Amino acid sequence: MLFEYVVLRLSPDAMRGENINIGLAVFPEEGAALVRISAQIAKIRAIDPTWSTERQLRLQEHLEGLLSSRQKTQEKIDLLYDFGFCLQGEPGFFYSTEAGIEVVLREITEQYISTRLQKEKKQGRSKLHQEMVVRFRSMDLLGSSVDDLARHRIVPHVPIPGNPDLKGDFVYKNGVYRITQTLDYRVSAMGAHQKVSEACTKVMAAAQAIKVWGEDTKKYAIVCVPNEIADIADSHLDLLLASGFEIFHADSKTDLARYHSSAFSH
């Protein structure tokens, strides 16, 4: 089943420009919207001392009631935007069974809504990402900053303009932009199931990149999928294919040769 979602924000003082991600509004294909306020009370109080658990529950109930007044998902998102509870733009999305939705929501929450008071650590790069860094460096293709795109270098971890929380694992420009996303399935079976949220985020990043860099932007995915995880990864790779990605397997010399030929051709 397809689920769309937006990140909910709280802006207690528009003059100071302070805001915080506090939860998610999730829209299933069928049925009522689900609202989750998951940020810690103490964290919200850092910018709004009047916040309380009771107020949090009231807001959650209020938003669910508000959303029930609209039929279409886009109408619900527009309503949240009008009240200042989310940013304008395309919603995120993921595919899940009803039984598996909690796992996916937990992954999305960990990515966008910090439940800790201390500063969040940067997400670690996968082993595959690091392997590609080494490969590009050995080919004298690796850049270190966005400025290096003008020097025909492939630059890692590039924020998408206008959407800095979304990133391209590797971006290269020579005539047109080429965005490469990596997915490393050398994890446990449970970890592989949870990769769906990562796949969705990387698809969304590429979709936003096309809006900025143009429809001729090329999309590539380099994946590493062990045989024992293949059945789990198949649906994720289908999502990439349906979103217009060319997929290359990192453990295939033929695939990597095809990737280099396509990604770095003039």
C-alpha atoms as a PDB file:
ATOM      1  CA  MET A   1       0.000   0.000   0.000  1.00  0.00           C
ATOM      2  CA  LEU A   2       1.193   3.529  -0.800  1.00  0.00           C
ATOM      3  CA  PHE A   3       1.534   6.011   2.060  1.00  0.00           C
ATOM      4  CA  GLU A   4       2.377   9.706   1.617  1.00  0.00           C
ATOM      5  CA  TYR A   5       3.613  11.904   4.441  1.00  0.00           C
ATOM      6  CA  VAL A   6       4.760  15.388   5.424  1.00  0.00           C
ATOM      7  CA  VAL A   7       6.968  16.456   8.304  1.00  0.00           C
ATOM      8  CA  LEU A   8       5.087  18.581  10.836  1.00  0.00           C
ATOM      9  CA  ARG A   9       6.769  21.764  12.075  1.00  0.00           C
ATOM     10  CA  LEU A  10       6.162  24.094  14.993  1.00  0.00           C
ATOM     11  CA  SER A  11       7.001  27.806  14.703  1.00  0.00           C
ATOM     12  CA  PRO A  12       6.171  29.469  18.040  1.00  0.00           C
ATOM     13  CA  ASP A  13       7.645  32.841  17.042  1.00  0.00           C
ATOM     14  CA  ALA A  14       7.581  33.752  13.359  1.00  0.00           C
ATOM     15  CA  MET A  15       9.495  36.980  14.047  1.00  0.00           C
ATOM     16  CA  ARG A  16      12.485  35.048  15.402  1.00  0.00           C
ATOM     17  CA  GLY A  17      12.227  32.466  12.639  1.00  0.00           C
ATOM     18  CA  GLU A  18      12.599  29.547  15.050  1.00  0.00           C
ATOM     19  CA  ASN A  19      10.992  26.269  14.113  1.00  0.00           C
ATOM     20  CA  ILE A  20      11.320  22.620  14.981  1.00  0.00           C
ATOM     21  CA  ASN A  21      10.233  19.356  13.367  1.00  0.00           C
ATOM     22  CA  ILE A  22       7.782  17.775  15.770  1.00  0.00           C
ATOM     23  CA  GLY A  23       6.163  14.841  13.985  1.00  0.00           C
ATOM     24  CA  LEU A  24       4.524  13.386  10.897  1.00  0.00           C
ATOM     25  CA  ALA A  25       1.180  13.480   9.132  1.00  0.00           C
ATOM     26  CA  VAL A  26       0.728  10.247   7.184  1.00  0.00           C
ATOM     27  CA  PHE A  27      -1.822   9.756   4.402  1.00  0.00           C
ATOM     28  CA  PRO A  28      -2.723   6.174   3.375  1.00  0.00           C
ATOM     29  CA  GLU A  29      -4.343   5.473   0.018  1.00  0.00           C
ATOM     30  CA  GLU A  30      -7.537   4.703   1.901  1.00  0.00           C
ATOM     31  CA  GLY A  31      -8.697   5.733   5.340  1.00  0.00           C
ATOM     32  CA  ALA A  32      -8.065   8.588   7.726  1.00  0.00           C
ATOM     33  CA  ALA A  33      -4.824  10.516   8.048  1.00  0.00           C
ATOM     34  CA  LEU A  34      -2.535   9.565  10.931  1.00  0.00           C
ATOM     35  CA  VAL A  35      -0.847  12.296  12.982  1.00  0.00           C
ATOM     36  CA  ARG A  36       2.181  11.530  15.165  1.00  0.00           C
ATOM     37  CA  ILE A  37       3.744  14.172  17.426  1.00  0.00           C
ATOM     38  CA  SER A  38       7.005  12.483  18.441  1.00  0.00           C
ATOM     39  CA  ALA A  39       9.488  15.209  19.439  1.00  0.00           C
ATOM     40  CA  GLN A  40      10.404  15.235  23.127  1.00  0.00           C
ATOM     41  CA  ILE A  41       8.453  17.704  25.256  1.00  0.00           C
ATOM     42  CA  ALA A  42      11.689  19.118  26.685  1.00  0.00           C
ATOM     43  CA  LYS A  43      13.015  19.787  23.187  1.00  0.00           C
ATOM     44  CA  ILE A  44       9.870  21.692  22.183  1.00  0.00           C
ATOM     45  CA  ARG A  45      10.007  23.652  25.434  1.00  0.00           C
ATOM     46  CA  ALA A  46      13.455  24.903  24.434  1.00  0.00           C
ATOM     47  CA  ILE A  47      11.710  27.237  21.968  1.00  0.00           C
ATOM     48  CA  ASP A  48       8.239  27.314  23.563  1.00  0.00           C
ATOM     49  CA  PRO A  49       8.283  27.126  27.407  1.00  0.00           C
ATOM     50  CA  THR A  50       4.460  26.879  27.522  1.00  0.00           C
ATOM     51  CA  TRP A  51       4.417  23.478  25.834  1.00  0.00           C
ATOM     52  CA  SER A  52       3.019  20.514  27.777  1.00  0.00           C
ATOM     53  CA  THR A  53       2.007  16.877  27.260  1.00  0.00           C
ATOM     54  CA  GLU A  54      -1.647  17.896  27.419  1.00  0.00           C
ATOM     55  CA  ARG A  55      -1.098  20.516  24.745  1.00  0.00           C
ATOM     56  CA  GLN A  56       0.681  17.956  22.574  1.00  0.00           C
ATOM     57  CA  LEU A  57      -2.294  15.573  22.745  1.00  0.00           C
ATOM     58  CA  ARG A  58      -4.712  18.418  21.987  1.00  0.00           C
ATOM     59  CA  LEU A  59      -2.673  19.431  18.930  1.00  0.00           C
ATOM     60  CA  GLN A  60      -2.588  15.858  17.662  1.00  0.00           C
ATOM     61  CA  GLU A  61      -6.371  15.515  18.027  1.00  0.00           C
ATOM     62  CA  HIS A  62      -6.924  18.962  16.505  1.00  0.00           C
ATOM     63  CA  LEU A  63      -4.825  18.165  13.428  1.00  0.00           C
ATOM     64  CA  GLU A  64      -6.537  14.805  12.875  1.00  0.00           C
ATOM     65  CA  GLY A  65      -9.923  16.552  13.097  1.00  0.00           C
ATOM     66  CA  LEU A  66      -8.736  19.280  10.743  1.00  0.00           C
ATOM     67  CA  LEU A  67      -7.512  16.763   8.178  1.00  0.00           C
ATOM     68  CA  SER A  68     -10.765  14.794   8.327  1.00  0.00           C
ATOM     69  CA  SER A  69     -12.509  17.828   6.809  1.00  0.00           C
ATOM     70  CA  ARG A  70     -10.701  17.274   3.502  1.00  0.00           C
ATOM     71  CA  GLN A  71     -11.047  14.346   1.126  1.00  0.00           C
ATOM     72  CA  LYS A  72      -7.960  14.483  -1.110  1.00  0.00           C
ATOM     73  CA  THR A  73      -4.400  14.124   0.179  1.00  0.00           C
ATOM     74  CA  GLN A  74      -3.209  17.296  -1.563  1.00  0.00           C
ATOM     75  CA  GLU A  75      -6.077  19.250   0.015  1.00  0.00           C
ATOM     76  CA  LYS A  76      -5.002  17.990   3.437  1.00  0.00           C
ATOM     77  CA  ILE A  77      -1.367  18.969   2.802  1.00  0.00           C
ATOM     78  CA  ASP A  78      -2.426  22.415   1.557  1.00  0.00           C
ATOM     79  CA  LEU A  79      -4.444  22.885   4.736  1.00  0.00           C
ATOM     80  CA  LEU A  80      -1.443  22.028   6.923  1.00  0.00           C
ATOM     81  CA  TYR A  81       0.696  24.428   4.890  1.00  0.00           C
ATOM     82  CA  ASP A  82      -1.873  27.232   5.206  1.00  0.00           C
ATOM     83  CA  PHE A  83      -1.732  26.871   9.008  1.00  0.00           C
ATOM     84  CA  GLY A  84       2.070  26.795   8.992  1.00  0.00           C
ATOM     85  CA  PHE A  85       2.430  23.157  10.037  1.00  0.00           C
ATOM     86  CA  CYS A  86       4.481  21.979   7.050  1.00  0.00           C
ATOM     87  CA  LEU A  87       6.613  23.213   4.187  1.00  0.00           C
ATOM     88  CA  GLN A  88       5.277  23.529   0.682  1.00  0.00           C
ATOM     89  CA  GLY A  89       6.416  20.933  -1.832  1.00  0.00           C
ATOM     90  CA  GLU A  90       6.000  17.313  -2.793  1.00  0.00           C
ATOM     91  CA  PRO A  91       5.109  14.922   0.048  1.00  0.00           C
ATOM     92  CA  GLY A  92       7.354  12.019   0.883  1.00  0.00           C
ATOM     93  CA  PHE A  93       6.078   8.537   0.217  1.00  0.00           C
ATOM     94  CA  PHE A  94       6.744   4.884   0.991  1.00  0.00           C
ATOM     95  CA  TYR A  95       5.211   1.494   0.362  1.00  0.00           C
ATOM     96  CA  SER A  96       4.339  -0.764   3.274  1.00  0.00           C
ATOM     97  CA  THR A  97       1.895  -3.298   4.576  1.00  0.00           C
ATOM     98  CA  GLU A  98      -0.236  -2.154   7.496  1.00  0.00           C
ATOM     99  CA  ALA A  99       1.720  -4.556   9.701  1.00  0.00           C
ATOM    100  CA  GLY A 100       5.055  -3.037   8.663  1.00  0.00           C
ATOM    101  CA  ILE A 101       4.166   0.640   8.800  1.00  0.00           C
ATOM    102  CA  GLU A 102       5.482   1.170  12.341  1.00  0.00           C
ATOM    103  CA  VAL A 103       8.987   0.105  11.302  1.00  0.00           C
ATOM    104  CA  VAL A 104       9.005   2.542   8.377  1.00  0.00           C
ATOM    105  CA  LEU A 105       7.600   5.406  10.462  1.00  0.00           C
ATOM    106  CA  ARG A 106      10.268   4.805  13.082  1.00  0.00           C
ATOM    107  CA  GLU A 107      12.960   5.112  10.393  1.00  0.00           C
ATOM    108  CA  ILE A 108      11.461   8.327   9.011  1.00  0.00           C
ATOM    109  CA  THR A 109      11.082   9.759  12.507  1.00  0.00           C
ATOM    110  CA  GLU A 110      14.716   9.024  13.320  1.00  0.00           C
ATOM    111  CA  GLN A 111      15.735  10.811  10.134  1.00  0.00           C
ATOM    112  CA  TYR A 112      13.626  13.962  10.410  1.00  0.00           C
ATOM    113  CA  ILE A 113      12.521  14.356  14.038  1.00  0.00           C
ATOM    114  CA  SER A 114      15.200  14.167  16.680  1.00  0.00           C
ATOM    115  CA  THR A 115      13.893  12.524  19.867  1.00  0.00           C
ATOM    116  CA  ARG A 116      17.061  13.462  21.728  1.00  0.00           C
ATOM    117  CA  LEU A 117      18.072  16.781  23.243  1.00  0.00           C
ATOM    118  CA  GLN A 118      21.683  16.593  22.199  1.00  0.00           C
ATOM    119  CA  LYS A 119      22.730  17.614  18.695  1.00  0.00           C
ATOM    120  CA  GLU A 120      22.094  14.860  16.189  1.00  0.00           C
ATOM    121  CA  LYS A 121      25.109  13.111  14.767  1.00  0.00           C
ATOM    122  CA  LYS A 122      25.572  12.985  11.025  1.00  0.00           C
ATOM    123  CA  GLN A 123      24.318   9.789   9.515  1.00  0.00           C
ATOM    124  CA  GLY A 124      27.166   7.412   8.763  1.00  0.00           C
ATOM    125  CA  ARG A 125      27.959   6.597   5.195  1.00  0.00           C
ATOM    126  CA  SER A 126      27.471   3.028   4.071  1.00  0.00           C
ATOM    127  CA  LYS A 127      30.357   0.759   3.208  1.00  0.00           C
ATOM    128  CA  LEU A 128      29.288   0.953  -0.443  1.00  0.00           C
ATOM    129  CA  HIS A 129      29.380   4.748  -0.353  1.00  0.00           C
ATOM    130  CA  GLN A 130      32.927   4.649   1.010  1.00  0.00           C
ATOM    131  CA  GLU A 131      33.957   2.097  -1.613  1.00  0.00           C
ATOM    132  CA  MET A 132      32.692   4.381  -4.374  1.00  0.00           C
ATOM    133  CA  VAL A 133      34.574   7.324  -2.840  1.00  0.00           C
ATOM    134  CA  VAL A 134      37.788   5.286  -3.029  1.00  0.00           C
ATOM    135  CA  ARG A 135      37.026   4.242  -6.618  1.00  0.00           C
ATOM    136  CA  PHE A 136      36.328   7.815  -7.797  1.00  0.00           C
ATOM    137  CA  ARG A 137      39.410   9.114  -6.008  1.00  0.00           C
ATOM    138  CA  SER A 138      41.600   6.476  -7.674  1.00  0.00           C
ATOM    139  CA  MET A 139      40.246   7.624 -11.053  1.00  0.00           C
ATOM    140  CA  ASP A 140      41.016  11.266 -10.211  1.00  0.00           C
ATOM    141  CA  LEU A 141      37.311  12.091 -10.485  1.00  0.00           C
ATOM    142  CA  LEU A 142      36.447  12.934  -6.879  1.00  0.00           C
ATOM    143  CA  GLY A 143      35.696  16.510  -5.887  1.00  0.00           C
ATOM    144  CA  SER A 144      35.413  17.916  -2.381  1.00  0.00           C
ATOM    145  CA  SER A 145      32.886  20.756  -2.691  1.00  0.00           C
ATOM    146  CA  VAL A 146      29.951  21.819  -4.844  1.00  0.00           C
ATOM    147  CA  ASP A 147      32.307  24.245  -6.626  1.00  0.00           C
ATOM    148  CA  ASP A 148      34.100  21.208  -8.059  1.00  0.00           C
ATOM    149  CA  LEU A 149      31.039  20.396 -10.188  1.00  0.00           C
ATOM    150  CA  ALA A 150      32.171  23.167 -12.534  1.00  0.00           C
ATOM    151  CA  ARG A 151      35.526  21.377 -12.831  1.00  0.00           C
ATOM    152  CA  HIS A 152      33.856  18.138 -13.949  1.00  0.00           C
ATOM    153  CA  ARG A 153      34.415  16.335 -10.667  1.00  0.00           C
ATOM    154  CA  ILE A 154      31.938  14.004  -9.023  1.00  0.00           C
ATOM    155  CA  VAL A 155      31.031  15.447  -5.631  1.00  0.00           C
ATOM    156  CA  PRO A 156      29.762  13.329  -2.709  1.00  0.00           C
ATOM    157  CA  HIS A 157      26.830  14.141  -0.432  1.00  0.00           C
ATOM    158  CA  VAL A 158      25.450  17.170  -2.289  1.00  0.00           C
ATOM    159  CA  PRO A 159      22.409  18.933  -0.722  1.00  0.00           C
ATOM    160  CA  ILE A 160      19.560  19.457  -3.178  1.00  0.00           C
ATOM    161  CA  PRO A 161      19.033  23.231  -3.644  1.00  0.00           C
ATOM    162  CA  GLY A 162      15.919  24.309  -1.774  1.00  0.00           C
ATOM    163  CA  ASN A 163      15.807  20.960   0.065  1.00  0.00           C
ATOM    164  CA  PRO A 164      19.048  20.758   2.090  1.00  0.00           C
ATOM    165  CA  ASP A 165      17.820  17.752   4.104  1.00  0.00           C
ATOM    166  CA  LEU A 166      17.719  15.765   0.851  1.00  0.00           C
ATOM    167  CA  LYS A 167      21.046  14.842  -0.712  1.00  0.00           C
ATOM    168  CA  GLY A 168      22.558  13.198  -3.734  1.00  0.00           C
ATOM    169  CA  ASP A 169      25.149  10.613  -2.716  1.00  0.00           C
ATOM    170  CA  PHE A 170      27.222  11.656  -5.741  1.00  0.00           C
ATOM    171  CA  VAL A 171      26.562  14.436  -8.256  1.00  0.00           C
ATOM    172  CA  TYR A 172      28.402  15.044 -11.531  1.00  0.00           C
ATOM    173  CA  LYS A 173      27.803  17.670 -14.201  1.00  0.00           C
ATOM    174  CA  ASN A 174      29.049  17.626 -17.755  1.00  0.00           C
ATOM    175  CA  GLY A 175      26.440  19.131 -20.036  1.00  0.00           C
ATOM    176  CA  VAL A 176      23.657  17.772 -17.797  1.00  0.00           C
ATOM    177  CA  TYR A 177      23.497  16.877 -14.133  1.00  0.00           C
ATOM    178  CA  ARG A 178      23.848  13.218 -13.171  1.00  0.00           C
ATOM    179  CA  ILE A 179      22.809  12.134  -9.666  1.00  0.00           C
ATOM    180  CA  THR A 180      23.952   8.781  -8.280  1.00  0.00           C
ATOM    181  CA  GLN A 181      22.355   7.216  -5.206  1.00  0.00           C
ATOM    182  CA  THR A 182      23.779   4.182  -3.404  1.00  0.00           C
ATOM    183  CA  LEU A 183      21.971   1.437  -1.516  1.00  0.00           C
ATOM    184  CA  ASP A 184      23.988  -1.106   0.427  1.00  0.00           C
ATOM    185  CA  TYR A 185      22.103  -4.246   1.438  1.00  0.00           C
ATOM    186  CA  ARG A 186      25.011  -5.909   3.214  1.00  0.00           C
ATOM    187  CA  VAL A 187      23.024  -5.809   6.427  1.00  0.00           C
ATOM    188  CA  SER A 188      20.808  -8.155   8.420  1.00  0.00           C
ATOM    189  CA  ALA A 189      17.430  -9.220   7.064  1.00  0.00           C
ATOM    190  CA  MET A 190      15.752  -6.790   9.485  1.00  0.00           C
ATOM    191  CA  GLY A 191      18.058  -4.007   8.340  1.00  0.00           C
ATOM    192  CA  ALA A 192      17.267  -4.828   4.707  1.00  0.00           C
ATOM    193  CA  HIS A 193      13.523  -4.487   5.346  1.00  0.00           C
ATOM    194  CA  GLN A 194      14.164  -1.070   6.873  1.00  0.00           C
ATOM    195  CA  LYS A 195      16.049   0.063   3.761  1.00  0.00           C
ATOM    196  CA  VAL A 196      12.697   0.935   2.173  1.00  0.00           C
ATOM    197  CA  SER A 197      12.672   4.335   3.897  1.00  0.00           C
ATOM    198  CA  GLU A 198      16.211   5.035   2.665  1.00  0.00           C
ATOM    199  CA  ALA A 199      15.192   4.080  -0.871  1.00  0.00           C
ATOM    200  CA  CYS A 200      12.156   6.369  -0.696  1.00  0.00           C
ATOM    201  CA  THR A 201      14.238   9.269   0.597  1.00  0.00           C
ATOM    202  CA  LYS A 202      16.782   8.870  -2.188  1.00  0.00           C
ATOM    203  CA  VAL A 203      14.036   8.691  -4.811  1.00  0.00           C
ATOM    204  CA  MET A 204      12.525  11.867  -3.358  1.00  0.00           C
ATOM    205  CA  ALA A 205      15.922  13.613  -3.412  1.00  0.00           C
ATOM    206  CA  ALA A 206      16.344  12.799  -7.096  1.00  0.00           C
ATOM    207  CA  ALA A 207      12.808  13.990  -7.870  1.00  0.00           C
ATOM    208  CA  GLN A 208      13.513  17.320  -6.190  1.00  0.00           C
ATOM    209  CA  ALA A 209      16.874  17.557  -7.985  1.00  0.00           C
ATOM    210  CA  ILE A 210      15.132  17.293 -11.355  1.00  0.00           C
ATOM    211  CA  LYS A 211      12.921  20.247 -10.442  1.00  0.00           C
ATOM    212  CA  VAL A 212      16.055  22.340  -9.865  1.00  0.00           C
ATOM    213  CA  TRP A 213      18.461  20.942 -12.441  1.00  0.00           C
ATOM    214  CA  GLY A 214      16.018  20.139 -15.234  1.00  0.00           C
ATOM    215  CA  GLU A 215      14.186  17.198 -16.757  1.00  0.00           C
ATOM    216  CA  ASP A 216      17.330  16.042 -18.556  1.00  0.00           C
ATOM    217  CA  THR A 217      18.986  15.204 -15.230  1.00  0.00           C
ATOM    218  CA  LYS A 218      20.129  11.583 -15.285  1.00  0.00           C
ATOM    219  CA  LYS A 219      19.450   9.277 -12.325  1.00  0.00           C
ATOM    220  CA  TYR A 220      21.634   6.315 -11.399  1.00  0.00           C
ATOM    221  CA  ALA A 221      21.553   3.846  -8.524  1.00  0.00           C
ATOM    222  CA  ILE A 222      24.533   1.732  -7.497  1.00  0.00           C
ATOM    223  CA  VAL A 223      23.450  -1.151  -5.286  1.00  0.00           C
ATOM    224  CA  CYS A 224      25.061  -4.058  -3.505  1.00  0.00           C
ATOM    225  CA  VAL A 225      22.596  -6.889  -2.904  1.00  0.00           C
ATOM    226  CA  PRO A 226      23.766 -10.222  -1.447  1.00  0.00           C
ATOM    227  CA  ASN A 227      21.843 -13.255  -2.742  1.00  0.00           C
ATOM    228  CA  GLU A 228      20.278 -13.957   0.642  1.00  0.00           C
ATOM    229  CA  ILE A 229      18.758 -10.451   0.740  1.00  0.00           C
ATOM    230  CA  ALA A 230      17.638 -10.323  -2.912  1.00  0.00           C
ATOM    231  CA  ASP A 231      13.971 -11.153  -2.240  1.00  0.00           C
ATOM    232  CA  ILE A 232      13.721  -8.312   0.277  1.00  0.00           C
ATOM    233  CA  ALA A 233      15.518  -5.801  -1.958  1.00  0.00           C
ATOM    234  CA  ASP A 234      13.513  -6.580  -5.109  1.00  0.00           C
ATOM    235  CA  SER A 235      10.556  -4.339  -4.264  1.00  0.00           C
ATOM    236  CA  HIS A 236      12.904  -1.475  -3.337  1.00  0.00           C
ATOM    237  CA  LEU A 237      14.735  -1.790  -6.648  1.00  0.00           C
ATOM    238  CA  ASP A 238      11.383  -1.898  -8.439  1.00  0.00           C
ATOM    239  CA  LEU A 239      10.637   1.472  -6.846  1.00  0.00           C
ATOM    240  CA  LEU A 240      13.903   2.867  -8.216  1.00  0.00           C
ATOM    241  CA  LEU A 241      13.170   1.504 -11.686  1.00  0.00           C
ATOM    242  CA  ALA A 242       9.632   2.907 -11.627  1.00  0.00           C
ATOM    243  CA  SER A 243      11.132   6.287 -10.682  1.00  0.00           C
ATOM    244  CA  GLY A 244      13.380   6.315 -13.747  1.00  0.00           C
ATOM    245  CA  PHE A 245      16.685   5.177 -12.223  1.00  0.00           C
ATOM    246  CA  GLU A 246      19.228   3.110 -14.102  1.00  0.00           C
ATOM    247  CA  ILE A 247      20.449   0.435 -11.672  1.00  0.00           C
ATOM    248  CA  PHE A 248      23.985  -0.965 -11.542  1.00  0.00           C
ATOM    249  CA  HIS A 249      25.272  -3.696  -9.229  1.00  0.00           C
ATOM    250  CA  ALA A 250      28.524  -2.853  -7.490  1.00  0.00           C
ATOM    251  CA  ASP A 251      29.705  -6.479  -7.487  1.00  0.00           C
ATOM    252  CA  SER A 252      29.442  -6.702 -11.300  1.00  0.00           C
ATOM    253  CA  LYS A 253      32.435  -5.438 -13.296  1.00  0.00           C
ATOM    254  CA  THR A 254      30.211  -5.271 -16.364  1.00  0.00           C
ATOM    255  CA  ASP A 255      27.652  -3.131 -14.555  1.00  0.00           C
ATOM    256  CA  LEU A 256      30.308  -0.788 -13.196  1.00  0.00           C
ATOM    257  CA  ALA A 257      31.819  -0.404 -16.658  1.00  0.00           C
ATOM    258  CA  ARG A 258      28.369   0.458 -18.034  1.00  0.00           C
ATOM    259  CA  TYR A 259      27.828   2.923 -15.208  1.00  0.00           C
ATOM    260  CA  HIS A 260      31.122   4.732 -15.842  1.00  0.00           C
ATOM    261  CA  SER A 261      30.419   4.839 -19.575  1.00  0.00           C
ATOM    262  CA  SER A 262      26.970   6.360 -19.030  1.00  0.00           C
ATOM    263  CA  ALA A 263      27.628   8.611 -16.051  1.00  0.00           C
ATOM    264  CA  PHE A 264      30.806  10.231 -17.330  1.00  0.00           C
ATOM    265  CA  SER A 265      30.105  10.377 -21.055  1.00  0.00           C
ATOM    266  CA  HIS A 266      30.069  13.816 -22.668  1.00  0.00           C
END
